[in-house]
């Protein structure tokens, strides 16, 4: 999952570089669209209870044999929890809406 995240982030970084530095403003404006779509998808994944529960289960059952795996799972779980995964569904949806609104405003 960490490798997938790094790959996706490199795509976002490339689009952001274009968005912020390309001399053609129309081209830069278009670069914002895929970047934002990917961000929105990541936001959805970061609040996916199925993924979160799988990490918690793997940790609690001792399924992670390597120290590196345990650390990665711990970091992923902590990221989920920072995003409010533990909140009731309606509040979690509100957090998602606010995070997306913040991202949109930050881009403007």
PDB file of N, CA and C in Angstrom:
ATOM      1  N   UNK A   1       0.826  -1.198   0.000  1.00  0.00           N
ATOM      2  CA  UNK A   1       0.000   0.000   0.000  1.00  0.00           C
ATOM      3  C   UNK A   1       0.865   1.254   0.000  1.00  0.00           C
ATOM      4  N   UNK A   2       1.994   1.153   0.677  1.00  0.00           N
ATOM      5  CA  UNK A   2       2.890   2.295   0.737  1.00  0.00           C
ATOM      6  C   UNK A   2       3.433   2.630  -0.652  1.00  0.00           C
ATOM      7  N   UNK A   3       3.773   1.609  -1.426  1.00  0.00           N
ATOM      8  CA  UNK A   3       4.270   1.830  -2.787  1.00  0.00           C
ATOM      9  C   UNK A   3       3.182   2.441  -3.668  1.00  0.00           C
ATOM     10  N   UNK A   4       1.966   1.954  -3.516  1.00  0.00           N
ATOM     11  CA  UNK A   4       0.849   2.516  -4.292  1.00  0.00           C
ATOM     12  C   UNK A   4       0.674   3.986  -3.938  1.00  0.00           C
ATOM     13  N   UNK A   5       0.711   4.272  -2.656  1.00  0.00           N
ATOM     14  CA  UNK A   5       0.565   5.651  -2.199  1.00  0.00           C
ATOM     15  C   UNK A   5       1.665   6.533  -2.772  1.00  0.00           C
ATOM     16  N   UNK A   6       2.896   6.048  -2.754  1.00  0.00           N
ATOM     17  CA  UNK A   6       4.002   6.831  -3.298  1.00  0.00           C
ATOM     18  C   UNK A   6       3.825   7.092  -4.790  1.00  0.00           C
ATOM     19  N   UNK A   7       3.363   6.084  -5.521  1.00  0.00           N
ATOM     20  CA  UNK A   7       3.149   6.246  -6.958  1.00  0.00           C
ATOM     21  C   UNK A   7       2.054   7.260  -7.228  1.00  0.00           C
ATOM     22  N   UNK A   8       0.951   7.144  -6.520  1.00  0.00           N
ATOM     23  CA  UNK A   8      -0.158   8.075  -6.706  1.00  0.00           C
ATOM     24  C   UNK A   8       0.285   9.495  -6.352  1.00  0.00           C
ATOM     25  N   UNK A   9       1.030   9.623  -5.274  1.00  0.00           N
ATOM     26  CA  UNK A   9       1.506  10.952  -4.867  1.00  0.00           C
ATOM     27  C   UNK A   9       2.455  11.545  -5.903  1.00  0.00           C
ATOM     28  N   UNK A  10       3.236  10.710  -6.576  1.00  0.00           N
ATOM     29  CA  UNK A  10       4.134  11.237  -7.608  1.00  0.00           C
ATOM     30  C   UNK A  10       3.325  11.780  -8.789  1.00  0.00           C
ATOM     31  N   UNK A  11       2.181  11.168  -9.079  1.00  0.00           N
ATOM     32  CA  UNK A  11       1.303  11.687 -10.137  1.00  0.00           C
ATOM     33  C   UNK A  11       0.726  13.036  -9.711  1.00  0.00           C
ATOM     34  N   UNK A  12       0.275  13.103  -8.482  1.00  0.00           N
ATOM     35  CA  UNK A  12      -0.263  14.371  -7.971  1.00  0.00           C
ATOM     36  C   UNK A  12       0.825  15.435  -7.981  1.00  0.00           C
ATOM     37  N   UNK A  13       2.026  15.078  -7.543  1.00  0.00           N
ATOM     38  CA  UNK A  13       3.129  16.043  -7.518  1.00  0.00           C
ATOM     39  C   UNK A  13       3.431  16.581  -8.911  1.00  0.00           C
ATOM     40  N   UNK A  14       3.408  15.706  -9.917  1.00  0.00           N
ATOM     41  CA  UNK A  14       3.657  16.138 -11.295  1.00  0.00           C
ATOM     42  C   UNK A  14       2.582  17.105 -11.772  1.00  0.00           C
ATOM     43  N   UNK A  15       1.336  16.772 -11.486  1.00  0.00           N
ATOM     44  CA  UNK A  15       0.234  17.653 -11.880  1.00  0.00           C
ATOM     45  C   UNK A  15       0.324  18.984 -11.136  1.00  0.00           C
ATOM     46  N   UNK A  16       0.702  18.941  -9.872  1.00  0.00           N
ATOM     47  CA  UNK A  16       0.844  20.164  -9.087  1.00  0.00           C
ATOM     48  C   UNK A  16       1.979  21.041  -9.615  1.00  0.00           C
ATOM     49  N   UNK A  17       3.081  20.402 -10.004  1.00  0.00           N
ATOM     50  CA  UNK A  17       4.191  21.158 -10.578  1.00  0.00           C
ATOM     51  C   UNK A  17       3.727  21.885 -11.836  1.00  0.00           C
ATOM     52  N   UNK A  18       3.023  21.173 -12.679  1.00  0.00           N
ATOM     53  CA  UNK A  18       2.495  21.771 -13.908  1.00  0.00           C
ATOM     54  C   UNK A  18       1.510  22.893 -13.573  1.00  0.00           C
ATOM     55  N   UNK A  19       0.636  22.623 -12.644  1.00  0.00           N
ATOM     56  CA  UNK A  19      -0.389  23.599 -12.266  1.00  0.00           C
ATOM     57  C   UNK A  19       0.231  24.892 -11.755  1.00  0.00           C
ATOM     58  N   UNK A  20       1.328  24.766 -11.041  1.00  0.00           N
ATOM     59  CA  UNK A  20       1.933  25.934 -10.412  1.00  0.00           C
ATOM     60  C   UNK A  20       3.016  26.627 -11.239  1.00  0.00           C
ATOM     61  N   UNK A  21       3.531  25.962 -12.287  1.00  0.00           N
ATOM     62  CA  UNK A  21       4.672  26.550 -12.986  1.00  0.00           C
ATOM     63  C   UNK A  21       4.514  26.683 -14.494  1.00  0.00           C
ATOM     64  N   UNK A  22       3.557  26.015 -15.095  1.00  0.00           N
ATOM     65  CA  UNK A  22       3.444  26.061 -16.556  1.00  0.00           C
ATOM     66  C   UNK A  22       3.094  27.482 -17.004  1.00  0.00           C
ATOM     67  N   UNK A  23       3.799  27.990 -18.023  1.00  0.00           N
ATOM     68  CA  UNK A  23       3.542  29.367 -18.463  1.00  0.00           C
ATOM     69  C   UNK A  23       2.172  29.572 -19.118  1.00  0.00           C
ATOM     70  N   UNK A  24       1.595  28.516 -19.678  1.00  0.00           N
ATOM     71  CA  UNK A  24       0.264  28.617 -20.295  1.00  0.00           C
ATOM     72  C   UNK A  24      -0.771  28.388 -19.196  1.00  0.00           C
ATOM     73  N   UNK A  25      -1.473  29.432 -18.795  1.00  0.00           N
ATOM     74  CA  UNK A  25      -2.422  29.349 -17.676  1.00  0.00           C
ATOM     75  C   UNK A  25      -3.551  28.359 -17.957  1.00  0.00           C
ATOM     76  N   UNK A  26      -3.955  28.228 -19.205  1.00  0.00           N
ATOM     77  CA  UNK A  26      -5.013  27.262 -19.540  1.00  0.00           C
ATOM     78  C   UNK A  26      -4.518  25.836 -19.307  1.00  0.00           C
ATOM     79  N   UNK A  27      -3.279  25.576 -19.694  1.00  0.00           N
ATOM     80  CA  UNK A  27      -2.671  24.265 -19.478  1.00  0.00           C
ATOM     81  C   UNK A  27      -2.577  23.987 -17.973  1.00  0.00           C
ATOM     82  N   UNK A  28      -2.136  24.990 -17.229  1.00  0.00           N
ATOM     83  CA  UNK A  28      -2.012  24.847 -15.775  1.00  0.00           C
ATOM     84  C   UNK A  28      -3.377  24.602 -15.134  1.00  0.00           C
ATOM     85  N   UNK A  29      -4.388  25.286 -15.638  1.00  0.00           N
ATOM     86  CA  UNK A  29      -5.753  25.109 -15.116  1.00  0.00           C
ATOM     87  C   UNK A  29      -6.237  23.678 -15.337  1.00  0.00           C
ATOM     88  N   UNK A  30      -5.937  23.127 -16.510  1.00  0.00           N
ATOM     89  CA  UNK A  30      -6.345  21.753 -16.823  1.00  0.00           C
ATOM     90  C   UNK A  30      -5.606  20.734 -15.952  1.00  0.00           C
ATOM     91  N   UNK A  31      -4.381  21.041 -15.549  1.00  0.00           N
ATOM     92  CA  UNK A  31      -3.612  20.130 -14.696  1.00  0.00           C
ATOM     93  C   UNK A  31      -4.250  19.989 -13.322  1.00  0.00           C
ATOM     94  N   UNK A  32      -5.042  20.960 -12.935  1.00  0.00           N
ATOM     95  CA  UNK A  32      -5.705  20.916 -11.634  1.00  0.00           C
ATOM     96  C   UNK A  32      -6.767  19.821 -11.569  1.00  0.00           C
ATOM     97  N   UNK A  33      -7.406  19.542 -12.682  1.00  0.00           N
ATOM     98  CA  UNK A  33      -8.517  18.584 -12.689  1.00  0.00           C
ATOM     99  C   UNK A  33      -8.088  17.170 -12.283  1.00  0.00           C
ATOM    100  N   UNK A  34      -7.082  16.568 -12.935  1.00  0.00           N
ATOM    101  CA  UNK A  34      -6.710  15.202 -12.510  1.00  0.00           C
ATOM    102  C   UNK A  34      -6.119  15.179 -11.109  1.00  0.00           C
ATOM    103  N   UNK A  35      -5.403  16.222 -10.768  1.00  0.00           N
ATOM    104  CA  UNK A  35      -4.821  16.288  -9.428  1.00  0.00           C
ATOM    105  C   UNK A  35      -5.925  16.268  -8.370  1.00  0.00           C
ATOM    106  N   UNK A  36      -6.950  17.059  -8.578  1.00  0.00           N
ATOM    107  CA  UNK A  36      -8.049  17.118  -7.608  1.00  0.00           C
ATOM    108  C   UNK A  36      -8.839  15.815  -7.581  1.00  0.00           C
ATOM    109  N   UNK A  37      -9.034  15.201  -8.736  1.00  0.00           N
ATOM    110  CA  UNK A  37      -9.768  13.919  -8.769  1.00  0.00           C
ATOM    111  C   UNK A  37      -9.016  12.849  -7.991  1.00  0.00           C
ATOM    112  N   UNK A  38      -7.703  12.819  -8.153  1.00  0.00           N
ATOM    113  CA  UNK A  38      -6.905  11.839  -7.412  1.00  0.00           C
ATOM    114  C   UNK A  38      -6.958  12.141  -5.923  1.00  0.00           C
ATOM    115  N   UNK A  39      -6.853  13.416  -5.568  1.00  0.00           N
ATOM    116  CA  UNK A  39      -6.942  13.800  -4.156  1.00  0.00           C
ATOM    117  C   UNK A  39      -8.281  13.350  -3.566  1.00  0.00           C
ATOM    118  N   UNK A  40      -9.354  13.564  -4.298  1.00  0.00           N
ATOM    119  CA  UNK A  40     -10.676  13.162  -3.814  1.00  0.00           C
ATOM    120  C   UNK A  40     -10.754  11.645  -3.631  1.00  0.00           C
ATOM    121  N   UNK A  41     -10.169  10.907  -4.569  1.00  0.00           N
ATOM    122  CA  UNK A  41     -10.169   9.449  -4.449  1.00  0.00           C
ATOM    123  C   UNK A  41      -9.353   9.015  -3.232  1.00  0.00           C
ATOM    124  N   UNK A  42      -8.210   9.625  -3.020  1.00  0.00           N
ATOM    125  CA  UNK A  42      -7.394   9.306  -1.841  1.00  0.00           C
ATOM    126  C   UNK A  42      -8.147   9.627  -0.560  1.00  0.00           C
ATOM    127  N   UNK A  43      -8.872  10.723  -0.570  1.00  0.00           N
ATOM    128  CA  UNK A  43      -9.669  11.086   0.608  1.00  0.00           C
ATOM    129  C   UNK A  43     -10.705   9.997   0.899  1.00  0.00           C
ATOM    130  N   UNK A  44     -11.295   9.477  -0.169  1.00  0.00           N
ATOM    131  CA  UNK A  44     -12.265   8.386  -0.016  1.00  0.00           C
ATOM    132  C   UNK A  44     -11.584   7.144   0.575  1.00  0.00           C
ATOM    133  N   UNK A  45     -10.403   6.803   0.056  1.00  0.00           N
ATOM    134  CA  UNK A  45      -9.681   5.627   0.572  1.00  0.00           C
ATOM    135  C   UNK A  45      -9.249   5.825   2.020  1.00  0.00           C
ATOM    136  N   UNK A  46      -8.874   7.050   2.362  1.00  0.00           N
ATOM    137  CA  UNK A  46      -8.411   7.331   3.722  1.00  0.00           C
ATOM    138  C   UNK A  46      -9.516   7.242   4.765  1.00  0.00           C
ATOM    139  N   UNK A  47     -10.756   7.157   4.306  1.00  0.00           N
ATOM    140  CA  UNK A  47     -11.877   7.025   5.239  1.00  0.00           C
ATOM    141  C   UNK A  47     -12.670   5.745   4.974  1.00  0.00           C
ATOM    142  N   UNK A  48     -12.013   4.784   4.361  1.00  0.00           N
ATOM    143  CA  UNK A  48     -12.653   3.516   4.040  1.00  0.00           C
ATOM    144  C   UNK A  48     -12.556   2.588   5.254  1.00  0.00           C
ATOM    145  N   UNK A  49     -13.692   2.310   5.864  1.00  0.00           N
ATOM    146  CA  UNK A  49     -13.688   1.501   7.085  1.00  0.00           C
ATOM    147  C   UNK A  49     -13.262   0.062   6.826  1.00  0.00           C
ATOM    148  N   UNK A  50     -13.515  -0.460   5.631  1.00  0.00           N
ATOM    149  CA  UNK A  50     -13.095  -1.830   5.315  1.00  0.00           C
ATOM    150  C   UNK A  50     -11.571  -1.932   5.355  1.00  0.00           C
ATOM    151  N   UNK A  51     -10.892  -0.964   4.747  1.00  0.00           N
ATOM    152  CA  UNK A  51      -9.428  -0.953   4.777  1.00  0.00           C
ATOM    153  C   UNK A  51      -8.918  -0.787   6.212  1.00  0.00           C
ATOM    154  N   UNK A  52      -9.519   0.137   6.923  1.00  0.00           N
ATOM    155  CA  UNK A  52      -9.107   0.391   8.315  1.00  0.00           C
ATOM    156  C   UNK A  52      -9.288  -0.863   9.165  1.00  0.00           C
ATOM    157  N   UNK A  53     -10.447  -1.498   9.051  1.00  0.00           N
ATOM    158  CA  UNK A  53     -10.716  -2.704   9.848  1.00  0.00           C
ATOM    159  C   UNK A  53      -9.759  -3.840   9.504  1.00  0.00           C
ATOM    160  N   UNK A  54      -9.367  -3.938   8.240  1.00  0.00           N
ATOM    161  CA  UNK A  54      -8.409  -4.974   7.835  1.00  0.00           C
ATOM    162  C   UNK A  54      -7.052  -4.739   8.488  1.00  0.00           C
ATOM    163  N   UNK A  55      -6.642  -3.489   8.576  1.00  0.00           N
ATOM    164  CA  UNK A  55      -5.368  -3.169   9.233  1.00  0.00           C
ATOM    165  C   UNK A  55      -5.441  -3.486  10.719  1.00  0.00           C
ATOM    166  N   UNK A  56      -6.514  -3.067  11.355  1.00  0.00           N
ATOM    167  CA  UNK A  56      -6.678  -3.335  12.788  1.00  0.00           C
ATOM    168  C   UNK A  56      -6.688  -4.844  13.048  1.00  0.00           C
ATOM    169  N   UNK A  57      -7.393  -5.587  12.206  1.00  0.00           N
ATOM    170  CA  UNK A  57      -7.465  -7.041  12.364  1.00  0.00           C
ATOM    171  C   UNK A  57      -6.084  -7.676  12.183  1.00  0.00           C
ATOM    172  N   UNK A  58      -5.362  -7.273  11.167  1.00  0.00           N
ATOM    173  CA  UNK A  58      -4.027  -7.830  10.926  1.00  0.00           C
ATOM    174  C   UNK A  58      -3.102  -7.540  12.106  1.00  0.00           C
ATOM    175  N   UNK A  59      -3.202  -6.340  12.650  1.00  0.00           N
ATOM    176  CA  UNK A  59      -2.380  -5.997  13.817  1.00  0.00           C
ATOM    177  C   UNK A  59      -2.776  -6.824  15.037  1.00  0.00           C
ATOM    178  N   UNK A  60      -4.058  -6.927  15.297  1.00  0.00           N
ATOM    179  CA  UNK A  60      -4.511  -7.598  16.511  1.00  0.00           C
ATOM    180  C   UNK A  60      -4.319  -9.109  16.470  1.00  0.00           C
ATOM    181  N   UNK A  61      -4.336  -9.692  15.271  1.00  0.00           N
ATOM    182  CA  UNK A  61      -4.167 -11.141  15.143  1.00  0.00           C
ATOM    183  C   UNK A  61      -2.710 -11.554  14.969  1.00  0.00           C
ATOM    184  N   UNK A  62      -1.805 -10.582  14.949  1.00  0.00           N
ATOM    185  CA  UNK A  62      -0.396 -10.900  14.795  1.00  0.00           C
ATOM    186  C   UNK A  62      -0.044 -11.425  13.412  1.00  0.00           C
ATOM    187  N   UNK A  63      -0.805 -11.007  12.411  1.00  0.00           N
ATOM    188  CA  UNK A  63      -0.593 -11.503  11.048  1.00  0.00           C
ATOM    189  C   UNK A  63       0.606 -10.855  10.356  1.00  0.00           C
ATOM    190  N   UNK A  64       1.127  -9.800  10.956  1.00  0.00           N
ATOM    191  CA  UNK A  64       2.241  -9.074  10.349  1.00  0.00           C
ATOM    192  C   UNK A  64       3.538  -9.587  10.956  1.00  0.00           C
ATOM    193  N   UNK A  65       4.257 -10.383  10.189  1.00  0.00           N
ATOM    194  CA  UNK A  65       5.422 -11.083  10.718  1.00  0.00           C
ATOM    195  C   UNK A  65       6.687 -10.234  10.730  1.00  0.00           C
ATOM    196  N   UNK A  66       6.836  -9.350   9.774  1.00  0.00           N
ATOM    197  CA  UNK A  66       8.043  -8.534   9.695  1.00  0.00           C
ATOM    198  C   UNK A  66       7.853  -7.215  10.439  1.00  0.00           C
ATOM    199  N   UNK A  67       8.922  -6.765  11.061  1.00  0.00           N
ATOM    200  CA  UNK A  67       8.874  -5.487  11.777  1.00  0.00           C
ATOM    201  C   UNK A  67       8.485  -4.351  10.820  1.00  0.00           C
ATOM    202  N   UNK A  68       8.997  -4.413   9.620  1.00  0.00           N
ATOM    203  CA  UNK A  68       8.663  -3.396   8.618  1.00  0.00           C
ATOM    204  C   UNK A  68       7.156  -3.391   8.342  1.00  0.00           C
ATOM    205  N   UNK A  69       6.544  -4.549   8.260  1.00  0.00           N
ATOM    206  CA  UNK A  69       5.098  -4.653   8.023  1.00  0.00           C
ATOM    207  C   UNK A  69       4.323  -4.086   9.202  1.00  0.00           C
ATOM    208  N   UNK A  70       4.783  -4.399  10.399  1.00  0.00           N
ATOM    209  CA  UNK A  70       4.112  -3.879  11.593  1.00  0.00           C
ATOM    210  C   UNK A  70       4.176  -2.359  11.646  1.00  0.00           C
ATOM    211  N   UNK A  71       5.335  -1.800  11.304  1.00  0.00           N
ATOM    212  CA  UNK A  71       5.483  -0.339  11.315  1.00  0.00           C
ATOM    213  C   UNK A  71       4.605   0.303  10.247  1.00  0.00           C
ATOM    214  N   UNK A  72       4.584  -0.289   9.063  1.00  0.00           N
ATOM    215  CA  UNK A  72       3.762   0.252   7.979  1.00  0.00           C
ATOM    216  C   UNK A  72       2.281   0.224   8.365  1.00  0.00           C
ATOM    217  N   UNK A  73       1.836  -0.884   8.937  1.00  0.00           N
ATOM    218  CA  UNK A  73       0.434  -0.999   9.353  1.00  0.00           C
ATOM    219  C   UNK A  73       0.119   0.007  10.456  1.00  0.00           C
ATOM    220  N   UNK A  74       1.035   0.163  11.380  1.00  0.00           N
ATOM    221  CA  UNK A  74       0.837   1.119  12.467  1.00  0.00           C
ATOM    222  C   UNK A  74       0.708   2.537  11.916  1.00  0.00           C
ATOM    223  N   UNK A  75       1.566   2.885  10.956  1.00  0.00           N
ATOM    224  CA  UNK A  75       1.500   4.218  10.349  1.00  0.00           C
ATOM    225  C   UNK A  75       0.206   4.419   9.575  1.00  0.00           C
ATOM    226  N   UNK A  76      -0.209   3.390   8.838  1.00  0.00           N
ATOM    227  CA  UNK A  76      -1.471   3.483   8.100  1.00  0.00           C
ATOM    228  C   UNK A  76      -2.656   3.653   9.049  1.00  0.00           C
ATOM    229  N   UNK A  77      -2.656   2.848  10.115  1.00  0.00           N
ATOM    230  CA  UNK A  77      -3.746   2.952  11.087  1.00  0.00           C
ATOM    231  C   UNK A  77      -3.789   4.346  11.699  1.00  0.00           C
ATOM    232  N   UNK A  78      -2.620   4.871  12.057  1.00  0.00           N
ATOM    233  CA  UNK A  78      -2.554   6.209  12.649  1.00  0.00           C
ATOM    234  C   UNK A  78      -3.070   7.266  11.658  1.00  0.00           C
ATOM    235  N   UNK A  79      -2.732   7.125  10.383  1.00  0.00           N
ATOM    236  CA  UNK A  79      -3.235   8.062   9.369  1.00  0.00           C
ATOM    237  C   UNK A  79      -4.755   7.998   9.258  1.00  0.00           C
ATOM    238  N   UNK A  80      -5.292   6.784   9.267  1.00  0.00           N
ATOM    239  CA  UNK A  80      -6.745   6.630   9.240  1.00  0.00           C
ATOM    240  C   UNK A  80      -7.372   7.339  10.440  1.00  0.00           C
ATOM    241  N   UNK A  81      -6.784   7.140  11.596  1.00  0.00           N
ATOM    242  CA  UNK A  81      -7.357   7.701  12.824  1.00  0.00           C
ATOM    243  C   UNK A  81      -7.232   9.218  12.859  1.00  0.00           C
ATOM    244  N   UNK A  82      -6.158   9.770  12.304  1.00  0.00           N
ATOM    245  CA  UNK A  82      -6.027  11.225  12.216  1.00  0.00           C
ATOM    246  C   UNK A  82      -7.122  11.800  11.327  1.00  0.00           C
ATOM    247  N   UNK A  83      -7.542  11.023  10.330  1.00  0.00           N
ATOM    248  CA  UNK A  83      -8.593  11.466   9.410  1.00  0.00           C
ATOM    249  C   UNK A  83      -9.997  11.316   9.957  1.00  0.00           C
ATOM    250  N   UNK A  84     -10.130  10.772  11.158  1.00  0.00           N
ATOM    251  CA  UNK A  84     -11.446  10.683  11.797  1.00  0.00           C
ATOM    252  C   UNK A  84     -12.203   9.402  11.525  1.00  0.00           C
ATOM    253  N   UNK A  85     -11.515   8.336  11.149  1.00  0.00           N
ATOM    254  CA  UNK A  85     -12.172   7.068  10.819  1.00  0.00           C
ATOM    255  C   UNK A  85     -13.036   6.549  11.976  1.00  0.00           C
ATOM    256  N   UNK A  86     -12.692   6.953  13.173  1.00  0.00           N
ATOM    257  CA  UNK A  86     -13.399   6.489  14.370  1.00  0.00           C
ATOM    258  C   UNK A  86     -14.725   7.230  14.616  1.00  0.00           C
ATOM    259  N   UNK A  87     -14.967   8.286  13.866  1.00  0.00           N
ATOM    260  CA  UNK A  87     -16.172   9.092  14.077  1.00  0.00           C
ATOM    261  C   UNK A  87     -17.417   8.399  13.539  1.00  0.00           C
ATOM    262  N   UNK A  88     -18.582   8.768  14.058  1.00  0.00           N
ATOM    263  CA  UNK A  88     -19.825   8.251  13.470  1.00  0.00           C
ATOM    264  C   UNK A  88     -19.895   8.645  11.995  1.00  0.00           C
ATOM    265  N   UNK A  89     -20.624   7.877  11.220  1.00  0.00           N
ATOM    266  CA  UNK A  89     -20.657   8.042   9.762  1.00  0.00           C
ATOM    267  C   UNK A  89     -20.986   9.471   9.339  1.00  0.00           C
ATOM    268  N   UNK A  90     -21.984  10.085   9.947  1.00  0.00           N
ATOM    269  CA  UNK A  90     -22.372  11.439   9.540  1.00  0.00           C
ATOM    270  C   UNK A  90     -21.259  12.450   9.818  1.00  0.00           C
ATOM    271  N   UNK A  91     -20.565  12.295  10.924  1.00  0.00           N
ATOM    272  CA  UNK A  91     -19.473  13.217  11.242  1.00  0.00           C
ATOM    273  C   UNK A  91     -18.260  12.963  10.345  1.00  0.00           C
ATOM    274  N   UNK A  92     -18.017  11.704  10.021  1.00  0.00           N
ATOM    275  CA  UNK A  92     -16.923  11.379   9.124  1.00  0.00           C
ATOM    276  C   UNK A  92     -17.183  11.975   7.735  1.00  0.00           C
ATOM    277  N   UNK A  93     -18.415  11.888   7.272  1.00  0.00           N
ATOM    278  CA  UNK A  93     -18.769  12.494   5.986  1.00  0.00           C
ATOM    279  C   UNK A  93     -18.569  14.004   6.028  1.00  0.00           C
ATOM    280  N   UNK A  94     -18.895  14.614   7.150  1.00  0.00           N
ATOM    281  CA  UNK A  94     -18.698  16.072   7.302  1.00  0.00           C
ATOM    282  C   UNK A  94     -17.211  16.413   7.277  1.00  0.00           C
ATOM    283  N   UNK A  95     -16.395  15.613   7.932  1.00  0.00           N
ATOM    284  CA  UNK A  95     -14.942  15.818   7.900  1.00  0.00           C
ATOM    285  C   UNK A  95     -14.441  15.729   6.464  1.00  0.00           C
ATOM    286  N   UNK A  96     -14.929  14.744   5.708  1.00  0.00           N
ATOM    287  CA  UNK A  96     -14.548  14.597   4.300  1.00  0.00           C
ATOM    288  C   UNK A  96     -14.929  15.839   3.498  1.00  0.00           C
ATOM    289  N   UNK A  97     -16.143  16.307   3.696  1.00  0.00           N
ATOM    290  CA  UNK A  97     -16.597  17.501   2.975  1.00  0.00           C
ATOM    291  C   UNK A  97     -15.709  18.698   3.300  1.00  0.00           C
ATOM    292  N   UNK A  98     -15.385  18.859   4.574  1.00  0.00           N
ATOM    293  CA  UNK A  98     -14.545  19.980   4.977  1.00  0.00           C
ATOM    294  C   UNK A  98     -13.134  19.864   4.403  1.00  0.00           C
ATOM    295  N   UNK A  99     -12.574  18.645   4.421  1.00  0.00           N
ATOM    296  CA  UNK A  99     -11.236  18.452   3.866  1.00  0.00           C
ATOM    297  C   UNK A  99     -11.202  18.767   2.374  1.00  0.00           C
ATOM    298  N   UNK A 100     -12.226  18.358   1.656  1.00  0.00           N
ATOM    299  CA  UNK A 100     -12.289  18.651   0.221  1.00  0.00           C
ATOM    300  C   UNK A 100     -12.471  20.147  -0.025  1.00  0.00           C
ATOM    301  N   UNK A 101     -13.289  20.787   0.784  1.00  0.00           N
ATOM    302  CA  UNK A 101     -13.482  22.236   0.648  1.00  0.00           C
ATOM    303  C   UNK A 101     -12.167  22.970   0.922  1.00  0.00           C
ATOM    304  N   UNK A 102     -11.441  22.531   1.926  1.00  0.00           N
ATOM    305  CA  UNK A 102     -10.135  23.128   2.240  1.00  0.00           C
ATOM    306  C   UNK A 102      -9.178  22.947   1.059  1.00  0.00           C
ATOM    307  N   UNK A 103      -9.170  21.765   0.471  1.00  0.00           N
ATOM    308  CA  UNK A 103      -8.294  21.509  -0.675  1.00  0.00           C
ATOM    309  C   UNK A 103      -8.655  22.416  -1.847  1.00  0.00           C
ATOM    310  N   UNK A 104      -9.944  22.554  -2.120  1.00  0.00           N
ATOM    311  CA  UNK A 104     -10.378  23.430  -3.219  1.00  0.00           C
ATOM    312  C   UNK A 104      -9.989  24.885  -2.956  1.00  0.00           C
ATOM    313  N   UNK A 105     -10.202  25.337  -1.730  1.00  0.00           N
ATOM    314  CA  UNK A 105      -9.852  26.725  -1.400  1.00  0.00           C
ATOM    315  C   UNK A 105      -8.342  26.937  -1.460  1.00  0.00           C
ATOM    316  N   UNK A 106      -7.599  25.955  -1.012  1.00  0.00           N
ATOM    317  CA  UNK A 106      -6.140  26.063  -1.050  1.00  0.00           C
ATOM    318  C   UNK A 106      -5.615  26.185  -2.459  1.00  0.00           C
ATOM    319  N   UNK A 107      -6.276  25.565  -3.400  1.00  0.00           N
ATOM    320  CA  UNK A 107      -5.848  25.622  -4.793  1.00  0.00           C
ATOM    321  C   UNK A 107      -6.152  26.980  -5.414  1.00  0.00           C
ATOM    322  N   UNK A 108      -7.176  27.637  -4.906  1.00  0.00           N
ATOM    323  CA  UNK A 108      -7.551  28.957  -5.452  1.00  0.00           C
ATOM    324  C   UNK A 108      -6.591  30.000  -4.938  1.00  0.00           C
TER     325      UNK A 108
END
